[in-house]
Amino acid sequence: VLMDPVAFKTKYNIDARTNAEVVCINRQEKTVTVLNHL
C-alpha cells in the first residue's frame, strides 16, 4: 500500500474514501450514489 487516505488528504488535499462503492450514476442530475460498506 503506497498511500492511504490520510496521506492523500494531508499531502494533496484529496478526499480518498475507502470501502466506498459507487453503485449508481444519475447522468441527468450529474450525481453518483455511494454505498459505504462499513
PDB file of all heavy atoms in Angstrom:
ATOM      1  N   VAL A   1       0.861  -1.192   0.000  1.00  0.00           N
ATOM      2  CA  VAL A   1       0.000   0.000   0.000  1.00  0.00           C
ATOM      3  C   VAL A   1       0.894   1.238   0.000  1.00  0.00           C
ATOM      4  O   VAL A   1       1.643   1.481   0.945  1.00  0.00           O
ATOM      5  CB  VAL A   1      -0.936   0.010   1.218  1.00  0.00           C
ATOM      6  CG1 VAL A   1      -1.837   1.236   1.177  1.00  0.00           C
ATOM      7  CG2 VAL A   1      -1.762  -1.269   1.268  1.00  0.00           C
ATOM      8  N   LEU A   2       0.821   2.002  -1.077  1.00  0.00           N
ATOM      9  CA  LEU A   2       1.752   3.114  -1.263  1.00  0.00           C
ATOM     10  C   LEU A   2       1.270   4.409  -0.620  1.00  0.00           C
ATOM     11  O   LEU A   2       2.074   5.242  -0.210  1.00  0.00           O
ATOM     12  CB  LEU A   2       1.983   3.334  -2.763  1.00  0.00           C
ATOM     13  CG  LEU A   2       2.407   2.080  -3.546  1.00  0.00           C
ATOM     14  CD1 LEU A   2       2.519   2.399  -5.029  1.00  0.00           C
ATOM     15  CD2 LEU A   2       3.711   1.521  -3.008  1.00  0.00           C
ATOM     16  N   MET A   3      -0.042   4.600  -0.548  1.00  0.00           N
ATOM     17  CA  MET A   3      -0.626   5.808   0.055  1.00  0.00           C
ATOM     18  C   MET A   3      -1.905   5.409   0.768  1.00  0.00           C
ATOM     19  O   MET A   3      -2.580   4.460   0.349  1.00  0.00           O
ATOM     20  CB  MET A   3      -0.966   6.833  -1.024  1.00  0.00           C
ATOM     21  CG  MET A   3       0.229   7.477  -1.704  1.00  0.00           C
ATOM     22  SD  MET A   3       0.866   8.888  -0.788  1.00  0.00           S
ATOM     23  CE  MET A   3      -0.405  10.111  -1.122  1.00  0.00           C
ATOM     24  N   ASP A   4      -2.241   6.119   1.824  1.00  0.00           N
ATOM     25  CA  ASP A   4      -3.515   5.887   2.498  1.00  0.00           C
ATOM     26  C   ASP A   4      -4.341   7.171   2.460  1.00  0.00           C
ATOM     27  O   ASP A   4      -3.850   8.228   2.056  1.00  0.00           O
ATOM     28  CB  ASP A   4      -3.302   5.392   3.928  1.00  0.00           C
ATOM     29  CG  ASP A   4      -2.532   6.380   4.808  1.00  0.00           C
ATOM     30  OD1 ASP A   4      -2.538   7.594   4.500  1.00  0.00           O
ATOM     31  OD2 ASP A   4      -1.917   5.935   5.786  1.00  0.00           O
ATOM     32  N   PRO A   5      -5.610   7.101   2.852  1.00  0.00           N
ATOM     33  CA  PRO A   5      -6.460   8.297   2.780  1.00  0.00           C
ATOM     34  C   PRO A   5      -5.916   9.494   3.548  1.00  0.00           C
ATOM     35  O   PRO A   5      -6.082  10.646   3.109  1.00  0.00           O
ATOM     36  CB  PRO A   5      -7.786   7.807   3.370  1.00  0.00           C
ATOM     37  CG  PRO A   5      -7.821   6.347   3.038  1.00  0.00           C
ATOM     38  CD  PRO A   5      -6.393   5.887   3.194  1.00  0.00           C
ATOM     39  N   VAL A   6      -5.279   9.252   4.669  1.00  0.00           N
ATOM     40  CA  VAL A   6      -4.718  10.366   5.449  1.00  0.00           C
ATOM     41  C   VAL A   6      -3.638  11.075   4.648  1.00  0.00           C
ATOM     42  O   VAL A   6      -3.587  12.318   4.586  1.00  0.00           O
ATOM     43  CB  VAL A   6      -4.161   9.854   6.788  1.00  0.00           C
ATOM     44  CG1 VAL A   6      -3.423  10.976   7.525  1.00  0.00           C
ATOM     45  CG2 VAL A   6      -5.273   9.301   7.664  1.00  0.00           C
ATOM     46  N   ALA A   7      -2.753  10.293   4.009  1.00  0.00           N
ATOM     47  CA  ALA A   7      -1.687  10.895   3.205  1.00  0.00           C
ATOM     48  C   ALA A   7      -2.258  11.657   2.017  1.00  0.00           C
ATOM     49  O   ALA A   7      -1.773  12.748   1.663  1.00  0.00           O
ATOM     50  CB  ALA A   7      -0.719   9.816   2.739  1.00  0.00           C
ATOM     51  N   PHE A   8      -3.279  11.099   1.376  1.00  0.00           N
ATOM     52  CA  PHE A   8      -3.900  11.807   0.262  1.00  0.00           C
ATOM     53  C   PHE A   8      -4.465  13.155   0.720  1.00  0.00           C
ATOM     54  O   PHE A   8      -4.373  14.160   0.006  1.00  0.00           O
ATOM     55  CB  PHE A   8      -5.018  10.958  -0.355  1.00  0.00           C
ATOM     56  CG  PHE A   8      -4.568  10.106  -1.506  1.00  0.00           C
ATOM     57  CD1 PHE A   8      -4.415   8.741  -1.354  1.00  0.00           C
ATOM     58  CD2 PHE A   8      -4.281  10.670  -2.736  1.00  0.00           C
ATOM     59  CE1 PHE A   8      -3.995   7.943  -2.404  1.00  0.00           C
ATOM     60  CE2 PHE A   8      -3.857   9.887  -3.798  1.00  0.00           C
ATOM     61  CZ  PHE A   8      -3.711   8.520  -3.633  1.00  0.00           C
ATOM     62  N   LYS A   9      -5.049  13.183   1.910  1.00  0.00           N
ATOM     63  CA  LYS A   9      -5.651  14.424   2.408  1.00  0.00           C
ATOM     64  C   LYS A   9      -4.587  15.443   2.805  1.00  0.00           C
ATOM     65  O   LYS A   9      -4.666  16.619   2.427  1.00  0.00           O
ATOM     66  CB  LYS A   9      -6.551  14.112   3.607  1.00  0.00           C
ATOM     67  CG  LYS A   9      -7.347  15.313   4.099  1.00  0.00           C
ATOM     68  CD  LYS A   9      -8.322  15.810   3.039  1.00  0.00           C
ATOM     69  CE  LYS A   9      -9.163  16.970   3.530  1.00  0.00           C
ATOM     70  NZ  LYS A   9     -10.063  17.499   2.472  1.00  0.00           N
ATOM     71  N   THR A  10      -3.587  15.000   3.569  1.00  0.00           N
ATOM     72  CA  THR A  10      -2.596  15.943   4.081  1.00  0.00           C
ATOM     73  C   THR A  10      -1.633  16.424   2.995  1.00  0.00           C
ATOM     74  O   THR A  10      -1.204  17.581   3.004  1.00  0.00           O
ATOM     75  CB  THR A  10      -1.798  15.314   5.229  1.00  0.00           C
ATOM     76  OG1 THR A  10      -1.186  14.091   4.773  1.00  0.00           O
ATOM     77  CG2 THR A  10      -2.699  15.002   6.419  1.00  0.00           C
ATOM     78  N   LYS A  11      -1.280  15.547   2.046  1.00  0.00           N
ATOM     79  CA  LYS A  11      -0.294  15.918   1.023  1.00  0.00           C
ATOM     80  C   LYS A  11      -0.916  16.549  -0.211  1.00  0.00           C
ATOM     81  O   LYS A  11      -0.300  17.403  -0.851  1.00  0.00           O
ATOM     82  CB  LYS A  11       0.526  14.696   0.620  1.00  0.00           C
ATOM     83  CG  LYS A  11       1.413  14.158   1.743  1.00  0.00           C
ATOM     84  CD  LYS A  11       2.223  12.948   1.273  1.00  0.00           C
ATOM     85  CE  LYS A  11       3.124  12.443   2.383  1.00  0.00           C
ATOM     86  NZ  LYS A  11       3.936  11.263   1.946  1.00  0.00           N
ATOM     87  N   TYR A  12      -2.135  16.108  -0.564  1.00  0.00           N
ATOM     88  CA  TYR A  12      -2.728  16.558  -1.829  1.00  0.00           C
ATOM     89  C   TYR A  12      -4.116  17.180  -1.671  1.00  0.00           C
ATOM     90  O   TYR A  12      -4.696  17.611  -2.666  1.00  0.00           O
ATOM     91  CB  TYR A  12      -2.827  15.373  -2.800  1.00  0.00           C
ATOM     92  CG  TYR A  12      -1.501  14.754  -3.122  1.00  0.00           C
ATOM     93  CD1 TYR A  12      -1.143  13.512  -2.595  1.00  0.00           C
ATOM     94  CD2 TYR A  12      -0.576  15.404  -3.937  1.00  0.00           C
ATOM     95  CE1 TYR A  12       0.078  12.931  -2.884  1.00  0.00           C
ATOM     96  CE2 TYR A  12       0.652  14.836  -4.234  1.00  0.00           C
ATOM     97  CZ  TYR A  12       0.981  13.599  -3.708  1.00  0.00           C
ATOM     98  OH  TYR A  12       2.184  13.039  -3.983  1.00  0.00           O
ATOM     99  N   ASN A  13      -4.629  17.201  -0.456  1.00  0.00           N
ATOM    100  CA  ASN A  13      -5.981  17.692  -0.217  1.00  0.00           C
ATOM    101  C   ASN A  13      -6.990  16.976  -1.107  1.00  0.00           C
ATOM    102  O   ASN A  13      -7.876  17.585  -1.701  1.00  0.00           O
ATOM    103  CB  ASN A  13      -6.070  19.209  -0.429  1.00  0.00           C
ATOM    104  CG  ASN A  13      -7.379  19.783   0.091  1.00  0.00           C
ATOM    105  OD1 ASN A  13      -8.018  19.202   0.986  1.00  0.00           O
ATOM    106  ND2 ASN A  13      -7.806  20.909  -0.475  1.00  0.00           N
ATOM    107  N   ILE A  14      -6.827  15.671  -1.215  1.00  0.00           N
ATOM    108  CA  ILE A  14      -7.746  14.815  -1.944  1.00  0.00           C
ATOM    109  C   ILE A  14      -8.502  13.963  -0.933  1.00  0.00           C
ATOM    110  O   ILE A  14      -7.897  13.345  -0.046  1.00  0.00           O
ATOM    111  CB  ILE A  14      -6.995  13.906  -2.945  1.00  0.00           C
ATOM    112  CG1 ILE A  14      -6.374  14.759  -4.059  1.00  0.00           C
ATOM    113  CG2 ILE A  14      -7.921  12.843  -3.541  1.00  0.00           C
ATOM    114  CD1 ILE A  14      -5.436  13.985  -4.967  1.00  0.00           C
ATOM    115  N   ASP A  15      -9.808  13.940  -1.050  1.00  0.00           N
ATOM    116  CA  ASP A  15     -10.659  13.163  -0.148  1.00  0.00           C
ATOM    117  C   ASP A  15     -10.759  11.728  -0.693  1.00  0.00           C
ATOM    118  O   ASP A  15     -11.545  11.449  -1.602  1.00  0.00           O
ATOM    119  CB  ASP A  15     -12.041  13.816  -0.066  1.00  0.00           C
ATOM    120  CG  ASP A  15     -12.967  13.119   0.928  1.00  0.00           C
ATOM    121  OD1 ASP A  15     -12.540  12.127   1.548  1.00  0.00           O
ATOM    122  OD2 ASP A  15     -14.124  13.563   1.059  1.00  0.00           O
ATOM    123  N   ALA A  16      -9.920  10.839  -0.184  1.00  0.00           N
ATOM    124  CA  ALA A  16      -9.909   9.443  -0.627  1.00  0.00           C
ATOM    125  C   ALA A  16     -10.748   8.607   0.334  1.00  0.00           C
ATOM    126  O   ALA A  16     -10.434   8.511   1.519  1.00  0.00           O
ATOM    127  CB  ALA A  16      -8.478   8.917  -0.676  1.00  0.00           C
ATOM    128  N   ARG A  17     -11.805   8.013  -0.189  1.00  0.00           N
ATOM    129  CA  ARG A  17     -12.734   7.261   0.659  1.00  0.00           C
ATOM    130  C   ARG A  17     -12.652   5.772   0.317  1.00  0.00           C
ATOM    131  O   ARG A  17     -12.989   5.363  -0.800  1.00  0.00           O
ATOM    132  CB  ARG A  17     -14.165   7.765   0.463  1.00  0.00           C
ATOM    133  CG  ARG A  17     -14.317   9.257   0.769  1.00  0.00           C
ATOM    134  CD  ARG A  17     -15.735   9.748   0.538  1.00  0.00           C
ATOM    135  NE  ARG A  17     -15.827  11.200   0.700  1.00  0.00           N
ATOM    136  CZ  ARG A  17     -16.940  11.908   0.528  1.00  0.00           C
ATOM    137  NH1 ARG A  17     -18.068  11.273   0.161  1.00  0.00           N
ATOM    138  NH2 ARG A  17     -16.930  13.219   0.679  1.00  0.00           N
ATOM    139  N   THR A  18     -12.198   4.982   1.264  1.00  0.00           N
ATOM    140  CA  THR A  18     -12.124   3.535   1.074  1.00  0.00           C
ATOM    141  C   THR A  18     -13.415   2.873   1.542  1.00  0.00           C
ATOM    142  O   THR A  18     -14.230   3.487   2.245  1.00  0.00           O
ATOM    143  CB  THR A  18     -10.929   2.947   1.839  1.00  0.00           C
ATOM    144  OG1 THR A  18     -11.043   3.310   3.226  1.00  0.00           O
ATOM    145  CG2 THR A  18      -9.609   3.476   1.295  1.00  0.00           C
ATOM    146  N   ASN A  19     -13.595   1.619   1.139  1.00  0.00           N
ATOM    147  CA  ASN A  19     -14.830   0.874   1.429  1.00  0.00           C
ATOM    148  C   ASN A  19     -16.064   1.640   0.966  1.00  0.00           C
ATOM    149  O   ASN A  19     -17.142   1.533   1.549  1.00  0.00           O
ATOM    150  CB  ASN A  19     -14.929   0.566   2.934  1.00  0.00           C
ATOM    151  CG  ASN A  19     -13.776  -0.287   3.421  1.00  0.00           C
ATOM    152  OD1 ASN A  19     -13.619  -1.430   3.003  1.00  0.00           O
ATOM    153  ND2 ASN A  19     -12.936   0.286   4.282  1.00  0.00           N
ATOM    154  N   ALA A  20     -15.863   2.405  -0.105  1.00  0.00           N
ATOM    155  CA  ALA A  20     -16.936   3.251  -0.632  1.00  0.00           C
ATOM    156  C   ALA A  20     -17.137   2.894  -2.102  1.00  0.00           C
ATOM    157  O   ALA A  20     -16.298   3.211  -2.946  1.00  0.00           O
ATOM    158  CB  ALA A  20     -16.587   4.727  -0.477  1.00  0.00           C
ATOM    159  N   GLU A  21     -18.249   2.253  -2.392  1.00  0.00           N
ATOM    160  CA  GLU A  21     -18.510   1.785  -3.754  1.00  0.00           C
ATOM    161  C   GLU A  21     -19.574   2.650  -4.430  1.00  0.00           C
ATOM    162  O   GLU A  21     -20.671   2.832  -3.900  1.00  0.00           O
ATOM    163  CB  GLU A  21     -18.978   0.333  -3.723  1.00  0.00           C
ATOM    164  CG  GLU A  21     -19.254  -0.241  -5.100  1.00  0.00           C
ATOM    165  CD  GLU A  21     -19.701  -1.693  -5.068  1.00  0.00           C
ATOM    166  OE1 GLU A  21     -19.845  -2.249  -3.952  1.00  0.00           O
ATOM    167  OE2 GLU A  21     -19.905  -2.270  -6.159  1.00  0.00           O
ATOM    168  N   VAL A  22     -19.246   3.147  -5.592  1.00  0.00           N
ATOM    169  CA  VAL A  22     -20.227   3.868  -6.398  1.00  0.00           C
ATOM    170  C   VAL A  22     -21.128   2.842  -7.069  1.00  0.00           C
ATOM    171  O   VAL A  22     -20.670   2.038  -7.881  1.00  0.00           O
ATOM    172  CB  VAL A  22     -19.544   4.768  -7.442  1.00  0.00           C
ATOM    173  CG1 VAL A  22     -20.576   5.392  -8.377  1.00  0.00           C
ATOM    174  CG2 VAL A  22     -18.731   5.858  -6.755  1.00  0.00           C
ATOM    175  N   VAL A  23     -22.396   2.848  -6.697  1.00  0.00           N
ATOM    176  CA  VAL A  23     -23.319   1.805  -7.172  1.00  0.00           C
ATOM    177  C   VAL A  23     -24.275   2.314  -8.238  1.00  0.00           C
ATOM    178  O   VAL A  23     -24.962   1.524  -8.888  1.00  0.00           O
ATOM    179  CB  VAL A  23     -24.120   1.205  -5.993  1.00  0.00           C
ATOM    180  CG1 VAL A  23     -23.192   0.451  -5.049  1.00  0.00           C
ATOM    181  CG2 VAL A  23     -24.886   2.294  -5.242  1.00  0.00           C
ATOM    182  N   CYS A  24     -24.336   3.635  -8.427  1.00  0.00           N
ATOM    183  CA  CYS A  24     -25.262   4.172  -9.419  1.00  0.00           C
ATOM    184  C   CYS A  24     -24.785   5.548  -9.867  1.00  0.00           C
ATOM    185  O   CYS A  24     -24.187   6.291  -9.079  1.00  0.00           O
ATOM    186  CB  CYS A  24     -26.677   4.276  -8.833  1.00  0.00           C
ATOM    187  SG  CYS A  24     -27.935   4.813 -10.030  1.00  0.00           S
ATOM    188  N   ILE A  25     -25.041   5.852 -11.150  1.00  0.00           N
ATOM    189  CA  ILE A  25     -24.747   7.178 -11.692  1.00  0.00           C
ATOM    190  C   ILE A  25     -26.041   7.745 -12.285  1.00  0.00           C
ATOM    191  O   ILE A  25     -26.708   7.070 -13.070  1.00  0.00           O
ATOM    192  CB  ILE A  25     -23.672   7.115 -12.796  1.00  0.00           C
ATOM    193  CG1 ILE A  25     -22.369   6.501 -12.268  1.00  0.00           C
ATOM    194  CG2 ILE A  25     -23.400   8.506 -13.371  1.00  0.00           C
ATOM    195  CD1 ILE A  25     -21.359   6.199 -13.361  1.00  0.00           C
ATOM    196  N   ASN A  26     -26.362   8.953 -11.885  1.00  0.00           N
ATOM    197  CA  ASN A  26     -27.505   9.664 -12.490  1.00  0.00           C
ATOM    198  C   ASN A  26     -26.921  10.719 -13.432  1.00  0.00           C
ATOM    199  O   ASN A  26     -26.473  11.786 -13.002  1.00  0.00           O
ATOM    200  CB  ASN A  26     -28.359  10.325 -11.406  1.00  0.00           C
ATOM    201  CG  ASN A  26     -29.648  10.903 -11.968  1.00  0.00           C
ATOM    202  OD1 ASN A  26     -29.656  11.492 -13.050  1.00  0.00           O
ATOM    203  ND2 ASN A  26     -30.738  10.745 -11.232  1.00  0.00           N
ATOM    204  N   ARG A  27     -26.922  10.382 -14.713  1.00  0.00           N
ATOM    205  CA  ARG A  27     -26.276  11.262 -15.683  1.00  0.00           C
ATOM    206  C   ARG A  27     -27.006  12.581 -15.854  1.00  0.00           C
ATOM    207  O   ARG A  27     -26.375  13.627 -16.094  1.00  0.00           O
ATOM    208  CB  ARG A  27     -26.159  10.539 -17.029  1.00  0.00           C
ATOM    209  CG  ARG A  27     -25.178   9.396 -17.017  1.00  0.00           C
ATOM    210  CD  ARG A  27     -25.287   8.531 -18.265  1.00  0.00           C
ATOM    211  NE  ARG A  27     -25.167   9.312 -19.493  1.00  0.00           N
ATOM    212  CZ  ARG A  27     -25.372   8.827 -20.709  1.00  0.00           C
ATOM    213  NH1 ARG A  27     -25.747   7.543 -20.854  1.00  0.00           N
ATOM    214  NH2 ARG A  27     -25.240   9.599 -21.777  1.00  0.00           N
ATOM    215  N   GLN A  28     -28.326  12.566 -15.720  1.00  0.00           N
ATOM    216  CA  GLN A  28     -29.089  13.796 -15.908  1.00  0.00           C
ATOM    217  C   GLN A  28     -28.816  14.794 -14.777  1.00  0.00           C
ATOM    218  O   GLN A  28     -28.621  15.987 -14.997  1.00  0.00           O
ATOM    219  CB  GLN A  28     -30.596  13.484 -15.978  1.00  0.00           C
ATOM    220  CG  GLN A  28     -31.034  12.822 -17.290  1.00  0.00           C
ATOM    221  CD  GLN A  28     -30.512  11.386 -17.421  1.00  0.00           C
ATOM    222  OE1 GLN A  28     -30.445  10.644 -16.418  1.00  0.00           O
ATOM    223  NE2 GLN A  28     -30.134  11.000 -18.626  1.00  0.00           N
ATOM    224  N   GLU A  29     -28.798  14.274 -13.548  1.00  0.00           N
ATOM    225  CA  GLU A  29     -28.570  15.149 -12.394  1.00  0.00           C
ATOM    226  C   GLU A  29     -27.089  15.306 -12.064  1.00  0.00           C
ATOM    227  O   GLU A  29     -26.729  16.103 -11.198  1.00  0.00           O
ATOM    228  CB  GLU A  29     -29.316  14.609 -11.173  1.00  0.00           C
ATOM    229  CG  GLU A  29     -30.832  14.598 -11.350  1.00  0.00           C
ATOM    230  CD  GLU A  29     -31.557  14.119 -10.097  1.00  0.00           C
ATOM    231  OE1 GLU A  29     -30.864  13.921  -9.068  1.00  0.00           O
ATOM    232  OE2 GLU A  29     -32.777  13.948 -10.149  1.00  0.00           O
ATOM    233  N   LYS A  30     -26.240  14.524 -12.745  1.00  0.00           N
ATOM    234  CA  LYS A  30     -24.786  14.526 -12.510  1.00  0.00           C
ATOM    235  C   LYS A  30     -24.486  14.233 -11.033  1.00  0.00           C
ATOM    236  O   LYS A  30     -23.797  14.999 -10.351  1.00  0.00           O
ATOM    237  CB  LYS A  30     -24.165  15.844 -12.964  1.00  0.00           C
ATOM    238  CG  LYS A  30     -24.295  16.070 -14.469  1.00  0.00           C
ATOM    239  CD  LYS A  30     -23.709  17.400 -14.901  1.00  0.00           C
ATOM    240  CE  LYS A  30     -22.194  17.397 -14.829  1.00  0.00           C
ATOM    241  NZ  LYS A  30     -21.615  18.639 -15.371  1.00  0.00           N
ATOM    242  N   THR A  31     -25.046  13.104 -10.575  1.00  0.00           N
ATOM    243  CA  THR A  31     -24.781  12.647  -9.214  1.00  0.00           C
ATOM    244  C   THR A  31     -24.409  11.163  -9.252  1.00  0.00           C
ATOM    245  O   THR A  31     -24.729  10.448 -10.207  1.00  0.00           O
ATOM    246  CB  THR A  31     -26.011  12.814  -8.300  1.00  0.00           C
ATOM    247  OG1 THR A  31     -27.088  12.006  -8.798  1.00  0.00           O
ATOM    248  CG2 THR A  31     -26.430  14.265  -8.196  1.00  0.00           C
ATOM    249  N   VAL A  32     -23.737  10.725  -8.217  1.00  0.00           N
ATOM    250  CA  VAL A  32     -23.463   9.304  -8.026  1.00  0.00           C
ATOM    251  C   VAL A  32     -24.025   8.893  -6.671  1.00  0.00           C
ATOM    252  O   VAL A  32     -24.097   9.708  -5.733  1.00  0.00           O
ATOM    253  CB  VAL A  32     -21.951   8.975  -8.097  1.00  0.00           C
ATOM    254  CG1 VAL A  32     -21.366   9.372  -9.441  1.00  0.00           C
ATOM    255  CG2 VAL A  32     -21.187   9.623  -6.948  1.00  0.00           C
ATOM    256  N   THR A  33     -24.423   7.637  -6.584  1.00  0.00           N
ATOM    257  CA  THR A  33     -24.848   7.066  -5.303  1.00  0.00           C
ATOM    258  C   THR A  33     -23.740   6.170  -4.799  1.00  0.00           C
ATOM    259  O   THR A  33     -23.228   5.304  -5.526  1.00  0.00           O
ATOM    260  CB  THR A  33     -26.142   6.248  -5.470  1.00  0.00           C
ATOM    261  OG1 THR A  33     -27.162   7.098  -5.997  1.00  0.00           O
ATOM    262  CG2 THR A  33     -26.593   5.665  -4.142  1.00  0.00           C
ATOM    263  N   VAL A  34     -23.362   6.381  -3.538  1.00  0.00           N
ATOM    264  CA  VAL A  34     -22.218   5.691  -2.946  1.00  0.00           C
ATOM    265  C   VAL A  34     -22.694   4.809  -1.800  1.00  0.00           C
ATOM    266  O   VAL A  34     -23.470   5.251  -0.939  1.00  0.00           O
ATOM    267  CB  VAL A  34     -21.176   6.699  -2.417  1.00  0.00           C
ATOM    268  CG1 VAL A  34     -19.939   5.968  -1.894  1.00  0.00           C
ATOM    269  CG2 VAL A  34     -20.798   7.699  -3.502  1.00  0.00           C
ATOM    270  N   LEU A  35     -22.239   3.556  -1.790  1.00  0.00           N
ATOM    271  CA  LEU A  35     -22.530   2.629  -0.703  1.00  0.00           C
ATOM    272  C   LEU A  35     -21.319   2.538   0.211  1.00  0.00           C
ATOM    273  O   LEU A  35     -20.225   2.161  -0.222  1.00  0.00           O
ATOM    274  CB  LEU A  35     -22.867   1.244  -1.258  1.00  0.00           C
ATOM    275  CG  LEU A  35     -22.995   0.109  -0.234  1.00  0.00           C
ATOM    276  CD1 LEU A  35     -24.152   0.380   0.732  1.00  0.00           C
ATOM    277  CD2 LEU A  35     -23.173  -1.230  -0.935  1.00  0.00           C
ATOM    278  N   ASN A  36     -21.503   2.874   1.477  1.00  0.00           N
ATOM    279  CA  ASN A  36     -20.462   2.718   2.490  1.00  0.00           C
ATOM    280  C   ASN A  36     -20.515   1.284   3.004  1.00  0.00           C
ATOM    281  O   ASN A  36     -21.473   0.894   3.674  1.00  0.00           O
ATOM    282  CB  ASN A  36     -20.672   3.726   3.627  1.00  0.00           C
ATOM    283  CG  ASN A  36     -19.549   3.677   4.647  1.00  0.00           C
ATOM    284  OD1 ASN A  36     -19.009   2.621   4.956  1.00  0.00           O
ATOM    285  ND2 ASN A  36     -19.211   4.837   5.195  1.00  0.00           N
ATOM    286  N   HIS A  37     -19.517   0.490   2.684  1.00  0.00           N
ATOM    287  CA  HIS A  37     -19.552  -0.928   3.038  1.00  0.00           C
ATOM    288  C   HIS A  37     -19.366  -1.165   4.542  1.00  0.00           C
ATOM    289  O   HIS A  37     -19.663  -2.265   5.025  1.00  0.00           O
ATOM    290  CB  HIS A  37     -18.471  -1.689   2.263  1.00  0.00           C
ATOM    291  CG  HIS A  37     -18.849  -1.961   0.838  1.00  0.00           C
ATOM    292  ND1 HIS A  37     -19.791  -2.894   0.481  1.00  0.00           N
ATOM    293  CD2 HIS A  37     -18.416  -1.401  -0.327  1.00  0.00           C
ATOM    294  CE1 HIS A  37     -19.919  -2.925  -0.832  1.00  0.00           C
ATOM    295  NE2 HIS A  37     -19.099  -2.014  -1.350  1.00  0.00           N
ATOM    296  N   LEU A  38     -18.892  -0.169   5.262  1.00  0.00           N
ATOM    297  CA  LEU A  38     -18.713  -0.336   6.711  1.00  0.00           C
ATOM    298  C   LEU A  38     -20.022  -0.089   7.466  1.00  0.00           C
ATOM    299  O   LEU A  38     -20.306  -0.752   8.464  1.00  0.00           O
ATOM    300  CB  LEU A  38     -17.628   0.618   7.217  1.00  0.00           C
ATOM    301  CG  LEU A  38     -16.227   0.390   6.633  1.00  0.00           C
ATOM    302  CD1 LEU A  38     -15.229   1.382   7.239  1.00  0.00           C
ATOM    303  CD2 LEU A  38     -15.758  -1.046   6.879  1.00  0.00           C
TER     304      LEU A  38
END
